[in-house]
Protein backbone atom coordinates (compact mmCIF):
# COMPACT_ATOMS: atom_id res chain seq x y z
CA MET A 1 -2.77 -4.43 24.55
CA ALA A 2 -4.73 -5.25 21.21
CA LEU A 3 -3.68 -4.78 18.10
CA VAL A 4 -5.22 -2.24 15.54
CA ARG A 5 -5.09 -2.91 11.96
CA TRP A 6 -3.80 0.30 10.51
CA ILE A 7 -2.49 -0.51 6.28
CA THR A 8 -3.43 -3.51 3.93
CA GLU A 9 -1.60 -4.35 1.25
CA MET A 10 -1.96 -6.90 -1.79
CA GLY A 11 0.60 -7.92 -4.09
CA MET A 12 1.24 -10.98 -6.70
CA GLY A 13 4.19 -12.51 -7.76
CA VAL A 14 4.83 -14.76 -10.32
CA ASP A 15 8.44 -17.55 -10.92
CA VAL A 16 8.04 -18.91 -14.54
CA HIS A 17 9.80 -21.65 -14.77
CA GLY A 18 10.99 -24.02 -11.85
CA ARG A 19 8.19 -24.23 -9.26
CA ASP A 20 9.83 -21.82 -6.63
CA TYR A 21 6.81 -20.81 -4.26
CA THR A 22 9.08 -19.28 -2.29
CA ASN A 23 10.42 -16.97 -5.13
CA ALA A 24 7.09 -16.00 -6.55
CA ALA A 25 5.66 -15.11 -2.60
CA LYS A 26 8.85 -12.63 -2.68
CA ARG A 27 7.90 -11.33 -5.51
CA ALA A 28 4.32 -10.81 -4.36
CA VAL A 29 5.30 -9.25 -1.28
CA SER A 30 7.74 -6.82 -3.31
CA ASP A 31 4.63 -5.95 -5.15
CA ALA A 32 2.70 -5.17 -2.54
CA LEU A 33 5.20 -3.09 -0.78
CA ARG A 34 6.17 -1.27 -3.85
CA HIS A 35 1.94 0.21 -3.55
CA SER A 36 2.82 1.82 -0.04
CA SER A 37 4.73 4.63 0.69
CA LEU A 38 4.20 5.55 4.66
CA SER A 39 4.43 9.05 5.79
CA PHE A 40 2.17 9.30 8.71
CA PHE A 41 4.87 8.38 11.64
CA GLU A 42 5.99 11.38 12.70
CA ALA A 43 2.38 12.56 12.70
CA THR A 44 1.37 9.56 15.20
CA GLY A 45 4.12 9.52 16.82
CA ARG A 46 4.79 6.12 16.05
CA THR A 47 7.90 4.52 14.33
CA ALA A 48 8.50 1.75 11.85
CA ALA A 49 9.86 -0.32 14.53
CA ASP A 50 6.23 0.02 16.33
CA MET A 51 4.60 -1.97 13.32
CA HIS A 52 3.64 -5.87 14.11
CA VAL A 53 3.38 -6.55 10.03
CA GLU A 54 1.76 -10.22 9.02
CA VAL A 55 2.71 -11.42 5.69
CA ARG A 56 0.01 -13.78 4.69
CA ILE A 57 1.29 -15.70 1.39
CA ALA A 58 -1.16 -18.42 -0.67
CA VAL A 59 0.34 -20.37 -3.06
CA ASN A 60 -0.71 -23.81 -4.17
CA ARG A 61 1.57 -25.85 -1.82
CA PRO A 62 2.02 -23.51 1.29
CA GLU A 63 4.50 -26.16 2.54
CA ALA A 64 6.88 -25.51 -0.27
CA LEU A 65 7.67 -21.96 1.27
CA ASP A 66 10.97 -20.70 2.87
CA LEU A 67 8.69 -18.57 5.48
CA ALA A 68 12.37 -16.76 7.11
CA GLU A 69 13.34 -15.88 2.97
CA ILE A 70 10.16 -13.99 2.93
CA ALA A 71 9.92 -12.58 5.94
CA ALA A 72 13.39 -10.86 4.88
CA GLN A 73 11.54 -8.88 2.45
CA ILE A 74 10.02 -6.90 4.87
CA PRO A 75 12.58 -4.03 6.34
CA TYR A 76 11.09 -3.13 9.10
CA GLY A 77 8.91 -4.11 12.40
CA THR A 78 7.80 -7.50 13.87
CA VAL A 79 7.43 -9.79 11.13
CA THR A 80 5.13 -12.84 11.23
CA VAL A 81 4.28 -15.17 7.64
CA THR A 82 1.32 -16.90 7.48
CA PRO A 83 1.36 -19.58 4.73
CA VAL A 84 -2.28 -20.13 3.42
CA GLN A 85 -3.88 -22.43 0.56
CA GLY A 86 -4.53 -20.72 -2.65
CA GLY A 87 -2.18 -19.18 -5.47
CA LEU A 88 -2.41 -20.71 -9.13
CA ASP A 89 -0.34 -23.69 -10.59
CA VAL A 90 -0.21 -22.93 -14.53
CA GLU A 91 1.08 -26.52 -16.23
CA SER A 92 3.66 -26.22 -19.36
CA PRO A 93 2.38 -27.20 -22.37
CA ARG A 94 5.31 -29.14 -23.18
CA GLY A 95 3.90 -31.76 -20.40
CA ASP A 96 7.59 -31.94 -18.36
CA GLY A 97 6.34 -30.94 -15.04
CA ASP A 98 7.37 -27.71 -15.04
CA ALA A 99 4.59 -25.16 -14.11
CA LEU A 100 4.31 -21.20 -13.86
CA VAL A 101 3.60 -20.53 -9.90
CA ILE A 102 1.27 -17.42 -9.09
CA ALA A 103 1.29 -16.25 -5.57
CA ASN A 104 -0.64 -13.68 -3.48
CA ALA A 105 0.69 -11.60 -0.84
CA ALA A 106 -1.34 -10.02 1.97
CA ILE A 107 0.58 -7.07 4.25
CA LEU A 108 -1.44 -6.57 7.25
CA VAL A 109 0.41 -3.65 9.30
CA SER A 110 -1.02 -2.93 12.81
CA PHE A 111 0.38 -0.89 15.84
CA GLU A 112 -0.68 -1.55 19.60
CA GLY A 113 -3.70 -0.02 20.29
């Protein structure tokens, strides 16, 4: 059966020091989750366990992400994390190689149609 998307949430997260892309990604996921309050389960006969949750994370270095650690931020459903090129690194003015890392997250919730 095909999946039908019901919810799209967006978030942004920042790691200020240390170039920790996973930390920035987790904060982006947390930001997106804080915009949601799902109260349609009873009306639709669905449960949180029925959700298929895709987390798309955009950072400058997607290969640096710990996908399992990001997936663990989602409390319900079947979770997949898809890293993509994006985000933004803002180099430190000190020239020491440090940077502020910005991650963007899209959380897509679908149910079997």
